[in-house]
Protein backbone atom coordinates (compact mmCIF):
# COMPACT_ATOMS: atom_id res chain seq x y z
CA MET A 1 82.69 51.64 83.10
CA ILE A 2 84.87 49.76 80.56
CA HIS A 3 83.14 47.13 78.52
CA GLY A 4 86.45 45.12 77.93
CA PRO A 5 89.56 45.70 75.79
CA SER A 6 89.71 44.84 72.16
CA SER A 7 92.49 44.84 69.60
CA LEU A 8 92.23 46.95 66.29
CA LEU A 9 93.52 45.17 63.19
CA GLY A 10 93.37 45.68 59.77
CA ALA A 11 93.57 48.84 56.96
CA ALA A 12 94.29 51.09 59.46
CA LEU A 13 97.42 49.56 60.99
CA LEU A 14 98.67 48.63 57.64
CA THR A 15 98.76 51.92 56.33
CA VAL A 16 100.66 53.53 59.23
CA PRO A 17 104.16 52.78 57.83
CA LEU A 18 103.32 54.17 54.33
CA VAL A 19 102.98 57.58 55.93
CA ILE A 20 106.63 57.57 57.41
CA SER A 21 108.75 59.42 54.89
CA THR A 22 111.14 56.72 53.73
CA ALA A 23 111.50 52.82 53.70
CA ALA A 24 114.60 53.11 55.79
CA ALA A 25 112.31 55.06 58.83
CA GLU A 26 109.60 52.12 58.42
CA SER A 27 112.22 49.57 58.60
CA GLN A 28 113.71 51.18 61.62
CA VAL A 29 110.64 51.66 63.78
CA ALA A 30 108.18 49.22 64.52
CA LEU A 31 104.43 50.24 65.37
CA GLY A 32 102.46 47.60 67.37
CA GLN A 33 98.78 46.90 67.17
CA LYS A 34 96.33 49.18 68.89
CA SER A 35 94.18 48.36 71.95
CA VAL A 36 91.12 49.81 72.72
CA THR A 37 88.80 50.11 75.83
CA THR A 38 85.22 51.40 75.50
CA HIS A 39 83.51 53.67 78.25
CA HIS A 40 79.74 54.30 78.16
CA VAL A 41 79.91 57.04 80.42
CA LYS A 42 79.13 60.85 80.12
CA ASN A 43 82.80 61.67 79.62
CA VAL A 44 86.29 60.53 80.00
CA VAL A 45 89.43 62.85 80.67
CA GLY A 46 92.58 61.18 80.03
CA PRO A 47 94.25 59.06 79.79
CA SER A 48 97.67 59.11 81.26
CA VAL A 49 100.24 56.41 80.09
CA GLN A 50 103.44 54.86 81.58
CA ILE A 51 105.46 51.70 80.24
CA ASP A 52 107.71 49.85 82.51
CA GLU A 53 111.05 48.13 81.59
CA GLN A 54 109.35 45.12 80.87
CA GLY A 55 107.13 46.69 78.32
CA PHE A 56 103.69 46.40 80.47
CA VAL A 57 101.57 49.67 80.00
CA SER A 58 99.71 51.45 82.81
CA ALA A 59 96.96 54.11 82.50
CA ALA A 60 95.15 56.31 84.66
CA TRP A 61 91.74 58.25 83.58
CA VAL A 62 88.57 59.89 84.96
CA GLU A 63 85.38 58.89 83.83
CA GLU A 64 82.27 61.16 84.72
CA ASP A 65 78.74 59.31 84.95
CA LYS A 66 75.80 61.64 85.97
CA ASP A 67 77.17 63.60 88.78
CA THR A 68 79.91 60.71 90.02
CA ARG A 69 83.68 61.21 88.81
CA THR A 70 85.89 58.14 89.34
CA ILE A 71 89.52 57.99 88.71
CA PHE A 72 90.73 54.66 87.36
CA PHE A 73 93.85 52.66 87.04
CA ALA A 74 94.77 49.57 84.77
CA ARG A 75 97.59 47.84 83.88
CA SER A 76 98.19 45.31 80.70
CA ASP A 77 98.51 41.83 81.82
CA THR A 78 101.14 41.01 78.84
CA PRO A 79 104.16 43.62 77.57
CA GLY A 80 102.41 45.96 75.18
CA GLY A 81 98.93 45.69 76.16
CA PRO A 82 95.83 45.48 76.14
CA LEU A 83 94.80 46.84 79.43
CA GLY A 84 93.78 44.60 82.24
CA ARG A 85 91.09 44.92 84.88
CA SER A 86 90.50 48.79 85.99
CA VAL A 87 90.61 49.85 89.63
CA ARG A 88 89.11 52.34 91.22
CA VAL A 89 91.93 54.91 92.69
CA ASN A 90 89.81 57.65 94.51
CA ALA A 91 87.48 56.64 97.77
CA PRO A 92 83.79 56.90 97.05
CA SER A 93 83.59 59.95 99.36
CA GLU A 94 86.01 61.66 97.14
CA ASN A 95 84.97 63.90 94.17
CA PRO A 96 87.57 64.75 91.78
CA TYR A 97 87.77 68.02 90.52
CA TYR A 98 86.55 68.28 87.02
CA ARG A 99 89.02 69.75 84.55
CA GLN A 100 90.50 68.90 81.29
CA GLU A 101 93.68 67.30 82.51
CA ALA A 102 94.32 63.63 83.24
CA PRO A 103 95.48 62.35 86.71
CA ALA A 104 99.25 62.81 86.67
CA LEU A 105 100.80 58.85 86.88
CA VAL A 106 104.09 57.16 87.82
CA VAL A 107 104.84 53.50 87.69
CA ARG A 108 107.87 51.78 88.75
CA GLY A 109 108.01 47.91 89.58
CA ASN A 110 104.77 47.58 91.90
CA ASP A 111 104.91 51.11 92.99
CA VAL A 112 102.12 53.53 91.41
CA PHE A 113 101.56 57.24 92.09
CA VAL A 114 98.71 59.20 91.18
CA THR A 115 98.28 62.81 91.73
CA TRP A 116 94.81 64.30 91.36
CA SER A 117 92.89 67.51 92.40
CA LEU A 118 89.95 66.92 94.90
CA THR A 119 86.87 69.37 94.73
CA HIS A 120 87.71 71.08 97.94
CA PRO A 121 84.59 70.56 100.47
CA LYS A 122 84.47 74.09 101.50
CA MET A 123 84.44 75.24 97.73
CA THR A 124 81.53 78.07 97.24
CA PRO A 125 80.41 80.11 94.33
CA ASP A 126 82.71 83.02 95.25
CA LYS A 127 85.46 80.87 95.29
CA PRO A 128 85.25 78.18 92.24
CA PHE A 129 88.13 76.15 91.07
CA SER A 130 89.12 75.41 94.60
CA GLY A 131 90.78 72.15 95.21
CA GLU A 132 93.19 70.00 97.26
CA LEU A 133 96.20 68.34 95.46
CA ARG A 134 95.91 64.65 96.42
CA LEU A 135 98.31 61.61 96.11
CA SER A 136 97.15 57.89 95.79
CA ARG A 137 99.56 55.04 96.17
CA SER A 138 99.60 51.34 95.53
CA SER A 139 102.50 49.21 96.49
CA ASP A 140 100.93 45.97 94.70
CA GLY A 141 101.19 47.14 90.97
CA GLY A 142 97.77 48.94 91.21
CA GLN A 143 95.64 46.02 92.49
CA THR A 144 94.50 48.01 95.55
CA PHE A 145 95.13 51.90 96.33
CA ALA A 146 95.91 53.27 100.03
CA PRO A 147 93.83 56.00 101.14
CA SER A 148 94.78 59.32 99.68
CA ILE A 149 97.12 62.06 101.24
CA LEU A 150 97.32 65.65 100.96
CA VAL A 151 99.87 67.16 98.96
CA ASN A 152 99.64 70.83 99.59
CA ASP A 153 100.25 71.96 103.04
CA ASP A 154 97.92 75.14 103.33
CA GLU A 155 94.37 74.71 104.35
CA GLN A 156 93.10 77.37 101.87
CA VAL A 157 90.01 77.08 99.86
CA ILE A 158 91.87 77.97 96.61
CA GLN A 159 93.36 76.27 93.69
CA HIS A 160 95.79 73.43 93.95
CA THR A 161 95.87 71.78 90.52
CA PHE A 162 97.62 71.33 87.04
CA ASP A 163 99.90 69.10 88.72
CA ALA A 164 102.97 67.11 87.50
CA ILE A 165 104.92 63.96 89.29
CA ASN A 166 108.17 62.54 88.65
CA LEU A 167 109.92 59.55 90.13
CA ALA A 168 113.93 60.44 90.40
CA THR A 169 116.40 57.38 90.06
CA ASP A 170 117.31 57.68 93.96
CA GLY A 171 113.62 57.04 94.43
CA VAL A 172 112.53 60.66 95.32
CA LEU A 173 109.04 61.35 94.43
CA HIS A 174 108.78 64.92 93.28
CA PHE A 175 105.69 67.00 92.61
CA ALA A 176 104.99 70.18 90.94
CA TRP A 177 101.54 72.46 90.70
CA ILE A 178 99.88 75.50 90.36
CA ASP A 179 99.02 77.25 93.56
CA GLY A 180 96.97 80.28 94.55
CA ARG A 181 97.44 80.35 98.42
CA GLU A 182 98.88 83.82 98.41
CA GLY A 183 95.67 85.51 97.16
CA LYS A 184 97.41 87.48 94.20
CA LYS A 185 95.78 87.80 90.74
CA GLU A 186 97.98 85.37 89.40
CA PRO A 187 99.04 82.17 91.12
CA GLY A 188 102.38 80.65 91.77
CA THR A 189 104.54 77.54 90.93
CA PHE A 190 105.06 75.26 93.98
CA VAL A 191 107.18 72.08 94.45
CA ALA A 192 107.26 69.30 97.13
CA LYS A 193 108.77 65.83 97.43
CA SER A 194 108.18 62.32 99.12
CA THR A 195 111.17 60.63 100.52
CA ASP A 196 109.19 57.45 101.85
CA ARG A 197 107.47 56.02 98.64
CA GLY A 198 104.33 58.50 98.93
CA ARG A 199 103.46 57.95 102.70
CA THR A 200 104.23 61.39 103.71
CA VAL A 201 105.04 64.68 101.54
CA THR A 202 107.68 67.57 102.69
CA LYS A 203 106.91 71.26 103.34
CA ASN A 204 105.74 72.95 100.12
CA LEU A 205 108.31 75.24 98.46
CA LYS A 206 107.16 78.34 96.04
CA ILE A 207 109.52 78.58 93.22
CA ASP A 208 108.19 81.45 91.02
CA ASP A 209 105.01 83.88 90.95
CA ASN A 210 102.79 85.27 88.01
CA THR A 211 102.15 81.56 86.64
CA CYS A 212 99.71 81.07 83.73
CA VAL A 213 96.63 79.83 85.72
CA CYS A 214 95.89 76.73 83.84
CA CYS A 215 98.58 75.70 81.72
CA ARG A 216 100.03 72.41 83.42
CA THR A 217 103.33 72.03 84.77
CA SER A 218 105.98 69.42 83.89
CA LEU A 219 108.66 67.48 85.88
CA ALA A 220 111.79 65.75 84.77
CA THR A 221 114.71 64.36 86.62
CA SER A 222 118.14 63.54 85.14
CA ALA A 223 120.38 60.47 86.03
CA ASP A 224 122.65 62.83 88.22
CA GLY A 225 119.70 64.18 90.16
CA VAL A 226 118.75 67.40 88.61
CA VAL A 227 115.22 68.22 89.04
CA TYR A 228 113.62 70.20 86.44
CA VAL A 229 110.26 71.93 86.42
CA ALA A 230 108.50 73.87 83.42
CA TRP A 231 105.63 75.99 83.39
CA ARG A 232 104.20 79.05 81.60
CA LYS A 233 104.87 82.50 82.94
CA ILE A 234 103.59 85.80 82.41
CA PHE A 235 105.72 88.59 81.87
CA GLU A 236 104.66 92.61 81.54
CA GLY A 237 102.38 93.26 78.82
CA ASN A 238 100.65 89.93 79.01
CA VAL A 239 103.48 88.14 77.32
CA ARG A 240 103.43 84.59 78.17
CA GLU A 241 106.69 82.49 77.80
CA THR A 242 107.48 78.93 78.72
CA VAL A 243 109.95 78.72 81.18
CA VAL A 244 112.30 76.03 82.98
CA SER A 245 113.85 76.17 86.62
CA HIS A 246 116.23 73.48 87.92
CA SER A 247 117.60 72.26 91.25
CA THR A 248 120.93 70.66 91.86
CA ASP A 249 120.11 69.71 95.83
CA GLY A 250 117.28 67.23 95.12
CA GLY A 251 114.50 70.01 95.16
CA ALA A 252 115.50 71.88 98.46
CA THR A 253 116.24 74.98 95.97
CA PHE A 254 115.59 76.01 92.60
CA SER A 255 117.00 78.25 90.02
CA PRO A 256 115.53 81.34 88.83
CA ALA A 257 113.14 80.77 85.63
CA THR A 258 114.70 80.56 82.33
CA ILE A 259 113.10 81.41 79.24
CA VAL A 260 112.99 78.71 76.38
CA GLY A 261 111.82 80.00 73.21
CA HIS A 262 111.53 83.72 73.57
CA ASP A 263 108.51 83.85 71.56
CA GLN A 264 107.10 87.15 72.68
CA TRP A 265 103.58 85.66 72.70
CA VAL A 266 100.97 88.32 73.89
CA TYR A 267 97.81 86.64 74.84
CA ALA A 268 95.28 88.20 77.21
CA ALA A 269 94.01 84.86 79.00
CA CYS A 270 95.49 81.42 79.88
CA PRO A 271 95.89 79.45 76.71
CA HIS A 272 95.49 76.17 78.68
CA ARG A 273 98.54 74.54 76.61
CA PRO A 274 101.39 72.79 78.84
CA ALA A 275 104.91 72.29 77.84
CA SER A 276 106.49 68.66 78.32
CA LEU A 277 109.86 67.78 79.37
CA GLY A 278 112.54 65.21 78.80
CA VAL A 279 116.29 64.13 79.83
CA ASP A 280 118.46 61.69 78.19
CA ARG A 281 121.54 59.97 79.89
CA GLN A 282 123.87 62.76 78.57
CA GLY A 283 121.96 65.23 80.65
CA ARG A 284 120.47 67.08 77.80
CA LEU A 285 117.35 68.48 78.63
CA TYR A 286 114.54 68.66 75.95
CA VAL A 287 111.63 71.01 75.92
CA VAL A 288 108.49 71.03 73.77
CA TRP A 289 105.84 73.72 73.85
CA TYR A 290 103.12 75.35 71.95
CA THR A 291 103.04 79.02 71.27
CA GLU A 292 101.67 81.69 68.79
CA GLY A 293 104.35 84.14 69.22
CA ASP A 294 106.81 85.47 66.64
CA ASP A 295 104.69 85.45 63.38
CA GLU A 296 101.71 84.70 65.35
CA THR A 297 101.18 81.49 63.47
CA PRO A 298 100.11 78.55 66.10
CA ALA A 299 103.08 76.28 66.23
CA ILE A 300 104.82 73.21 68.48
CA TYR A 301 108.58 73.56 69.07
CA LEU A 302 111.34 71.79 70.33
CA ALA A 303 114.50 73.01 72.00
CA TYR A 304 117.26 71.43 74.17
CA SER A 305 119.91 72.71 76.79
CA ASP A 306 123.34 71.16 77.35
CA ASP A 307 123.93 73.29 80.31
CA ARG A 308 120.95 72.18 82.88
CA GLY A 309 118.75 74.72 81.27
CA LYS A 310 120.58 78.01 81.64
CA THR A 311 120.68 78.29 77.86
CA PHE A 312 118.72 76.97 75.26
CA SER A 313 119.32 75.85 71.53
CA GLY A 314 117.41 77.47 68.67
CA LYS A 315 113.84 76.12 68.48
CA LYS A 316 112.83 73.49 65.81
CA GLN A 317 109.32 73.42 64.72
CA LEU A 318 107.74 70.10 64.60
CA ASN A 319 104.20 70.51 63.11
CA ARG A 320 104.15 70.81 59.26
CA SER A 321 100.31 70.85 58.23
CA LYS A 322 99.12 74.07 56.66
CA GLY A 323 95.49 73.50 57.23
CA THR A 324 95.32 72.12 60.88
CA PHE A 325 95.80 74.04 64.11
CA PRO A 326 98.43 71.99 66.28
CA ASP A 327 97.56 71.55 69.98
CA HIS A 328 98.59 70.03 73.27
CA PRO A 329 102.09 68.29 72.74
CA GLN A 330 103.55 65.62 74.97
CA MET A 331 107.08 64.27 74.78
CA ALA A 332 108.95 61.03 75.88
CA VAL A 333 112.79 60.80 75.71
CA ASP A 334 114.69 57.70 76.55
CA PRO A 335 118.23 57.59 77.94
CA ASP A 336 119.77 57.30 74.05
CA GLY A 337 118.13 60.65 73.35
CA ARG A 338 115.32 59.08 71.11
CA ILE A 339 112.54 61.48 71.11
CA VAL A 340 108.77 60.80 70.64
CA VAL A 341 106.53 63.87 70.31
CA ILE A 342 102.58 63.50 70.20
CA TRP A 343 100.15 66.00 69.65
CA GLU A 344 96.69 67.13 68.33
CA GLU A 345 95.99 68.49 64.90
CA GLN A 346 92.56 70.31 64.80
CA SER A 347 90.57 71.29 61.68
CA PRO A 348 87.14 72.55 61.62
CA VAL A 349 85.74 69.12 61.34
CA ARG A 350 88.27 66.77 62.64
CA ARG A 351 90.71 66.53 65.59
CA GLU A 352 93.75 64.09 64.63
CA VAL A 353 96.52 62.80 66.56
CA VAL A 354 99.92 62.67 65.19
CA MET A 355 103.34 61.38 66.25
CA SER A 356 106.94 62.29 65.38
CA TYR A 357 110.08 60.96 66.17
CA SER A 358 113.98 61.72 66.41
CA LEU A 359 116.62 59.12 66.56
CA ASP A 360 119.36 61.77 66.72
CA ARG A 361 119.05 63.66 70.05
CA GLY A 362 116.64 66.14 68.32
CA GLY A 363 118.64 66.74 65.41
CA SER A 364 116.07 65.78 62.94
CA PHE A 365 112.28 64.53 63.04
CA ILE A 366 110.28 62.46 60.74
CA LYS A 367 107.03 63.68 58.88
CA PRO A 368 104.43 63.55 61.32
CA VAL A 369 102.24 60.47 61.19
CA LYS A 370 98.46 60.37 61.89
CA LEU A 371 97.69 57.38 64.34
CA ASN A 372 93.83 57.77 65.35
CA GLU A 373 90.60 56.41 63.31
CA LYS A 374 87.95 58.27 64.96
CA ASN A 375 88.18 62.20 66.58
CA GLY A 376 91.11 61.89 68.54
CA GLN A 377 92.40 64.22 71.57
CA THR A 378 94.34 64.34 74.72
CA PRO A 379 97.38 62.65 73.42
CA THR A 380 99.95 60.86 75.88
CA VAL A 381 103.29 59.21 75.57
CA SER A 382 105.82 57.51 77.61
CA VAL A 383 109.11 55.42 76.97
CA ASN A 384 111.33 53.12 78.70
CA SER A 385 114.90 52.42 78.97
CA ARG A 386 114.91 49.89 76.13
CA GLY A 387 113.20 52.14 73.34
CA THR A 388 109.79 50.72 73.77
CA VAL A 389 107.17 53.62 73.70
CA ALA A 390 103.49 53.62 74.70
CA LEU A 391 101.14 56.08 72.89
CA GLY A 392 97.76 56.85 74.06
CA TRP A 393 94.76 59.03 73.27
CA LYS A 394 90.85 59.31 73.51
CA GLU A 395 88.49 59.15 70.72
CA HIS A 396 85.41 60.36 70.62
CA ALA A 397 83.03 57.71 69.38
CA MET A 398 79.09 56.92 69.57
CA PRO A 399 77.74 55.36 71.65
CA ALA A 400 80.82 55.48 73.70
CA HIS A 401 83.97 56.94 74.36
CA ARG A 402 87.31 55.03 73.59
CA LEU A 403 90.67 55.09 74.97
CA VAL A 404 93.23 53.76 72.34
CA LEU A 405 96.67 52.52 73.32
CA GLN A 406 99.39 51.68 70.88
CA THR A 407 103.31 50.65 71.38
CA MET A 408 106.31 51.48 69.08
CA GLN A 409 109.60 49.86 69.19
CA PHE A 410 112.97 52.09 68.42
CA PRO A 411 115.58 50.12 66.90
CA SER A 412 118.76 49.55 68.75
CA THR A 413 121.22 52.31 69.39
CA ASP A 414 123.72 51.13 66.77
CA LEU A 415 120.97 51.14 64.13
CA ALA A 416 119.82 54.57 65.15
CA THR A 417 123.14 55.81 64.36
CA LYS A 418 123.14 54.62 60.95
CA ASP A 419 120.71 57.09 59.44
CA GLY A 420 120.29 56.05 55.74
CA GLY A 421 118.30 59.45 54.93
CA SER A 422 115.51 58.02 57.10
CA HIS A 423 114.56 61.56 58.88
CA VAL A 424 112.99 64.50 57.43
CA PRO A 425 115.11 67.68 58.65
């Protein structure tokens, strides 16, 4: 349970701007205070974060205490945080499937949508990892949640998980997930949507097969209604590539998958490392992903597409540390194409959470900035149309776990175009 939010002040916050590469970058971007919630439970999975147009921050996560797993949602009472009272999302009779992924979260106005995997009631030892994909919704800003509904439309005792959710500008709610209903060795990537604010879900649509079994899907929608889905696909010889498909008819049909980085990463198992998507108002699609392809060096890359995901730019490496292992990147893109990427940097003794950003539509990025104090992991990020960013992650601490949130403010668009040498190429 949560034992109250607190603000972290002092040296940690004061030293953050000194890590940014130049004084110009420091003056352009303002990091806010950190807020922390403390959780005296066995484990915490998450968080997922969202920030709305007024700057209110929302988060969803899973708590495990003894044999009970509970999904919680909380929203800040003031712009920028800290989080307010936490609310239970799943019913007491519903046992979320335990995994290393936070619930997927979307917030717009008073509408809150959360997707999560329920441990299948008929799961047996010979059918492990079986779950139902559920949707929980709230129409009062997360004060209460309606009973969850089923997203997958089959009744098989198999995997329906590693989900993504996105709310398009027309109010249609889109879902993507990994689904094993066909009984093949490798599962498929499936999609569906809701046109009535989460009350019902349409017939499921398979858009590809040979999906990497536990690299989470990612979703994004553009201002002109294009729907994008990213996942990791297995090619001949155990080559695992990040791919993207798009729909120009509101999710009714999807294009064949396009390879993003052509990494040629050969790996005999699922690496459990998802991609992340974003789209700016000009329709540029951005993809961030992890790979060990090419020269076999673990790296995080960004590429973009200006033709709806048919072709992609050359890839730009974002991580710079030579003594750490980069992991689990997540990205947010605002309408002006200002990008924030957050990820883990692991060493034999530490897990750091670092962040980098671009003010010029991915042309250049600042040197990564460390955010966490204690061992940090599962970073997450969201941005609103005003350029206000919400950053979140989990920290392992004794005797409890901590969820940490921090906001960041981009400069105005005019300032962002006056580079002043603030970016590190």
